[in-house]
Amino acid sequence: MDIAIIVATFIVSGFTSFAFTKAGLDKLRTSDSKLIERGWGWVGSSPKGTVKFIGLAELLGGLGVILAPVAVTIFRFNWALPIGIAAAAGLTTIMVLANIVHVARKEFKYTYKAGLMFLTVTIIETALLAFYPPA
C-alpha cells in the first residue's frame, strides 16, 4: 500500500473525527434553549430528542472514523474496517440531511461553509476507507 494513501487516510480521519466528535459532544452537553439562543432555529421545530440523537450519532461516527483505521493499521483488526466505512457513510448521510434541512429553512450561512465542507470531507473519508483500506 502506498504510504501517501495511508497518511492521507489518517489526516482526513483525524480531521473528520475531531470535528464530528466536538460537534456531537456540544449537542449532547448543551440544552436546546441555549442552542436556539445561538441561532439554531431548527432545534425549536424538531421533535424532542432529535438534537441529542444527532449529537450521539456524530460522536459515535467521529470516533468510528478514527478508531477503525487505527485498529486495522496498528492492531490488524481487519473486522474494524467495515465499522469505519459505516461510520463515515453515516456521517455523510447526516450531513446530506443537515444541508437539506438548512436549505429548506433558508439558513444558508450554516450550509455554505461548514455544511458543504463537512459533507465533502465525509465523502472523501468514506472513499478512502472503502477503496484504500489502511491495512
C-alpha atoms as a PDB file:
ATOM      1  CA  MET A   1       0.000   0.000   0.000  1.00  0.00           C
ATOM      2  CA  ASP A   2       1.244   3.416  -0.859  1.00  0.00           C
ATOM      3  CA  ILE A   3       2.323   5.303   2.265  1.00  0.00           C
ATOM      4  CA  ALA A   4       0.817   8.527   0.879  1.00  0.00           C
ATOM      5  CA  ILE A   5      -2.657   6.968   0.849  1.00  0.00           C
ATOM      6  CA  ILE A   6      -2.225   5.749   4.429  1.00  0.00           C
ATOM      7  CA  VAL A   7      -1.077   9.192   5.569  1.00  0.00           C
ATOM      8  CA  ALA A   8      -3.949  10.861   3.694  1.00  0.00           C
ATOM      9  CA  THR A   9      -6.430   8.470   5.290  1.00  0.00           C
ATOM     10  CA  PHE A  10      -5.155   9.279   8.763  1.00  0.00           C
ATOM     11  CA  ILE A  11      -5.115  13.040   8.149  1.00  0.00           C
ATOM     12  CA  VAL A  12      -8.677  13.051   6.821  1.00  0.00           C
ATOM     13  CA  SER A  13      -9.767  10.613   9.544  1.00  0.00           C
ATOM     14  CA  GLY A  14      -8.227  12.778  12.252  1.00  0.00           C
ATOM     15  CA  PHE A  15      -9.874  15.948  10.985  1.00  0.00           C
ATOM     16  CA  THR A  16     -13.229  14.255  10.499  1.00  0.00           C
ATOM     17  CA  SER A  17     -13.037  12.622  13.916  1.00  0.00           C
ATOM     18  CA  PHE A  18     -12.123  15.836  15.704  1.00  0.00           C
ATOM     19  CA  ALA A  19     -14.823  17.899  14.005  1.00  0.00           C
ATOM     20  CA  PHE A  20     -17.670  15.448  14.479  1.00  0.00           C
ATOM     21  CA  THR A  21     -16.682  14.372  17.985  1.00  0.00           C
ATOM     22  CA  LYS A  22     -16.560  18.010  19.059  1.00  0.00           C
ATOM     23  CA  ALA A  23     -19.879  18.803  17.364  1.00  0.00           C
ATOM     24  CA  GLY A  24     -21.538  15.720  18.844  1.00  0.00           C
ATOM     25  CA  LEU A  25     -20.342  16.467  22.368  1.00  0.00           C
ATOM     26  CA  ASP A  26     -21.545  20.051  22.020  1.00  0.00           C
ATOM     27  CA  LYS A  27     -25.032  18.919  21.006  1.00  0.00           C
ATOM     28  CA  LEU A  28     -25.148  16.378  23.844  1.00  0.00           C
ATOM     29  CA  ARG A  29     -23.951  18.804  26.536  1.00  0.00           C
ATOM     30  CA  THR A  30     -25.838  21.950  25.525  1.00  0.00           C
ATOM     31  CA  SER A  31     -29.504  22.465  26.298  1.00  0.00           C
ATOM     32  CA  ASP A  32     -31.940  23.050  23.460  1.00  0.00           C
ATOM     33  CA  SER A  33     -32.692  26.558  24.717  1.00  0.00           C
ATOM     34  CA  LYS A  34     -29.002  27.513  24.558  1.00  0.00           C
ATOM     35  CA  LEU A  35     -28.722  26.103  21.041  1.00  0.00           C
ATOM     36  CA  ILE A  36     -31.734  28.166  19.978  1.00  0.00           C
ATOM     37  CA  GLU A  37     -30.075  31.257  21.505  1.00  0.00           C
ATOM     38  CA  ARG A  38     -27.041  30.558  19.294  1.00  0.00           C
ATOM     39  CA  GLY A  39     -29.268  30.901  16.262  1.00  0.00           C
ATOM     40  CA  TRP A  40     -30.010  27.254  15.646  1.00  0.00           C
ATOM     41  CA  GLY A  41     -33.673  27.763  14.775  1.00  0.00           C
ATOM     42  CA  TRP A  42     -34.133  24.194  13.567  1.00  0.00           C
ATOM     43  CA  VAL A  43     -33.766  22.949  17.147  1.00  0.00           C
ATOM     44  CA  GLY A  44     -37.034  24.587  18.184  1.00  0.00           C
ATOM     45  CA  SER A  45     -39.035  22.977  15.399  1.00  0.00           C
ATOM     46  CA  SER A  46     -37.531  19.491  15.599  1.00  0.00           C
ATOM     47  CA  PRO A  47     -39.066  16.670  17.651  1.00  0.00           C
ATOM     48  CA  LYS A  48     -37.853  16.287  21.222  1.00  0.00           C
ATOM     49  CA  GLY A  49     -34.668  14.272  21.458  1.00  0.00           C
ATOM     50  CA  THR A  50     -33.643  14.837  17.842  1.00  0.00           C
ATOM     51  CA  VAL A  51     -30.714  17.085  18.737  1.00  0.00           C
ATOM     52  CA  LYS A  52     -29.392  14.600  21.292  1.00  0.00           C
ATOM     53  CA  PHE A  53     -29.776  11.744  18.791  1.00  0.00           C
ATOM     54  CA  ILE A  54     -27.858  13.709  16.159  1.00  0.00           C
ATOM     55  CA  GLY A  55     -25.204  14.542  18.752  1.00  0.00           C
ATOM     56  CA  LEU A  56     -24.825  10.894  19.720  1.00  0.00           C
ATOM     57  CA  ALA A  57     -24.639   9.835  16.057  1.00  0.00           C
ATOM     58  CA  GLU A  58     -21.958  12.462  15.379  1.00  0.00           C
ATOM     59  CA  LEU A  59     -19.982  11.413  18.439  1.00  0.00           C
ATOM     60  CA  LEU A  60     -20.070   7.706  17.565  1.00  0.00           C
ATOM     61  CA  GLY A  61     -19.365   8.381  13.901  1.00  0.00           C
ATOM     62  CA  GLY A  62     -16.466  10.669  14.781  1.00  0.00           C
ATOM     63  CA  LEU A  63     -14.942   8.002  16.999  1.00  0.00           C
ATOM     64  CA  GLY A  64     -15.564   5.287  14.407  1.00  0.00           C
ATOM     65  CA  VAL A  65     -13.734   7.032  11.569  1.00  0.00           C
ATOM     66  CA  ILE A  66     -10.502   7.296  13.573  1.00  0.00           C
ATOM     67  CA  LEU A  67     -10.611   4.162  15.711  1.00  0.00           C
ATOM     68  CA  ALA A  68     -11.275   1.837  12.770  1.00  0.00           C
ATOM     69  CA  PRO A  69      -8.178   2.828  10.755  1.00  0.00           C
ATOM     70  CA  VAL A  70      -6.076   2.686  13.921  1.00  0.00           C
ATOM     71  CA  ALA A  71      -7.428  -0.772  14.768  1.00  0.00           C
ATOM     72  CA  VAL A  72      -6.774  -2.065  11.257  1.00  0.00           C
ATOM     73  CA  THR A  73      -3.341  -0.498  10.798  1.00  0.00           C
ATOM     74  CA  ILE A  74      -1.810  -0.975  14.233  1.00  0.00           C
ATOM     75  CA  PHE A  75      -3.599  -3.981  15.692  1.00  0.00           C
ATOM     76  CA  ARG A  76      -4.505  -5.761  12.422  1.00  0.00           C
ATOM     77  CA  PHE A  77      -8.173  -5.961  13.451  1.00  0.00           C
ATOM     78  CA  ASN A  78      -9.469  -6.210   9.887  1.00  0.00           C
ATOM     79  CA  TRP A  79     -13.016  -6.666  11.157  1.00  0.00           C
ATOM     80  CA  ALA A  80     -12.964  -2.971  12.212  1.00  0.00           C
ATOM     81  CA  LEU A  81     -12.726  -1.623   8.668  1.00  0.00           C
ATOM     82  CA  PRO A  82     -16.442  -2.099   7.830  1.00  0.00           C
ATOM     83  CA  ILE A  83     -17.256  -0.252  11.057  1.00  0.00           C
ATOM     84  CA  GLY A  84     -15.149   2.708   9.930  1.00  0.00           C
ATOM     85  CA  ILE A  85     -16.756   2.690   6.497  1.00  0.00           C
ATOM     86  CA  ALA A  86     -20.225   2.555   8.080  1.00  0.00           C
ATOM     87  CA  ALA A  87     -19.308   5.418  10.429  1.00  0.00           C
ATOM     88  CA  ALA A  88     -18.110   7.587   7.545  1.00  0.00           C
ATOM     89  CA  ALA A  89     -21.154   6.729   5.434  1.00  0.00           C
ATOM     90  CA  GLY A  90     -23.411   7.538   8.396  1.00  0.00           C
ATOM     91  CA  LEU A  91     -21.749  10.913   8.857  1.00  0.00           C
ATOM     92  CA  THR A  92     -22.178  11.592   5.149  1.00  0.00           C
ATOM     93  CA  THR A  93     -25.886  10.814   5.487  1.00  0.00           C
ATOM     94  CA  ILE A  94     -26.168  13.129   8.491  1.00  0.00           C
ATOM     95  CA  MET A  95     -24.530  15.944   6.539  1.00  0.00           C
ATOM     96  CA  VAL A  96     -26.712  15.454   3.457  1.00  0.00           C
ATOM     97  CA  LEU A  97     -29.832  15.607   5.637  1.00  0.00           C
ATOM     98  CA  ALA A  98     -28.482  18.589   7.591  1.00  0.00           C
ATOM     99  CA  ASN A  99     -27.844  20.504   4.383  1.00  0.00           C
ATOM    100  CA  ILE A 100     -31.365  19.716   3.144  1.00  0.00           C
ATOM    101  CA  VAL A 101     -32.877  20.992   6.411  1.00  0.00           C
ATOM    102  CA  HIS A 102     -30.821  24.185   6.375  1.00  0.00           C
ATOM    103  CA  VAL A 103     -31.584  24.935   2.714  1.00  0.00           C
ATOM    104  CA  ALA A 104     -35.310  24.301   3.291  1.00  0.00           C
ATOM    105  CA  ARG A 105     -35.233  26.690   6.261  1.00  0.00           C
ATOM    106  CA  LYS A 106     -33.194  29.222   4.230  1.00  0.00           C
ATOM    107  CA  GLU A 107     -30.361  29.061   6.764  1.00  0.00           C
ATOM    108  CA  PHE A 108     -27.673  29.396   4.117  1.00  0.00           C
ATOM    109  CA  LYS A 109     -24.966  30.570   6.497  1.00  0.00           C
ATOM    110  CA  TYR A 110     -24.985  27.065   8.003  1.00  0.00           C
ATOM    111  CA  THR A 111     -24.755  25.256   4.678  1.00  0.00           C
ATOM    112  CA  TYR A 112     -22.432  27.380   2.616  1.00  0.00           C
ATOM    113  CA  LYS A 113     -19.209  26.854   4.517  1.00  0.00           C
ATOM    114  CA  ALA A 114     -19.367  24.298   7.313  1.00  0.00           C
ATOM    115  CA  GLY A 115     -22.064  22.065   5.886  1.00  0.00           C
ATOM    116  CA  LEU A 116     -20.540  21.648   2.469  1.00  0.00           C
ATOM    117  CA  MET A 117     -17.036  21.287   3.899  1.00  0.00           C
ATOM    118  CA  PHE A 118     -18.113  18.546   6.296  1.00  0.00           C
ATOM    119  CA  LEU A 119     -20.082  16.824   3.544  1.00  0.00           C
ATOM    120  CA  THR A 120     -17.054  16.869   1.246  1.00  0.00           C
ATOM    121  CA  VAL A 121     -14.722  15.582   3.950  1.00  0.00           C
ATOM    122  CA  THR A 122     -17.024  12.735   4.922  1.00  0.00           C
ATOM    123  CA  ILE A 123     -17.420  11.663   1.286  1.00  0.00           C
ATOM    124  CA  ILE A 124     -13.623  11.664   0.914  1.00  0.00           C
ATOM    125  CA  GLU A 125     -13.312   9.741   4.196  1.00  0.00           C
ATOM    126  CA  THR A 126     -15.796   7.105   3.047  1.00  0.00           C
ATOM    127  CA  ALA A 127     -13.973   6.684  -0.263  1.00  0.00           C
ATOM    128  CA  LEU A 128     -10.546   6.443   1.371  1.00  0.00           C
ATOM    129  CA  LEU A 129     -11.683   3.812   3.833  1.00  0.00           C
ATOM    130  CA  ALA A 130     -13.627   1.834   1.229  1.00  0.00           C
ATOM    131  CA  PHE A 131     -11.156   1.855  -1.635  1.00  0.00           C
ATOM    132  CA  TYR A 132      -7.807   2.277   0.107  1.00  0.00           C
ATOM    133  CA  PRO A 133      -8.017   0.445   3.444  1.00  0.00           C
ATOM    134  CA  PRO A 134      -5.098   1.287   5.745  1.00  0.00           C
ATOM    135  CA  ALA A 135      -4.144  -2.363   6.343  1.00  0.00           C
END
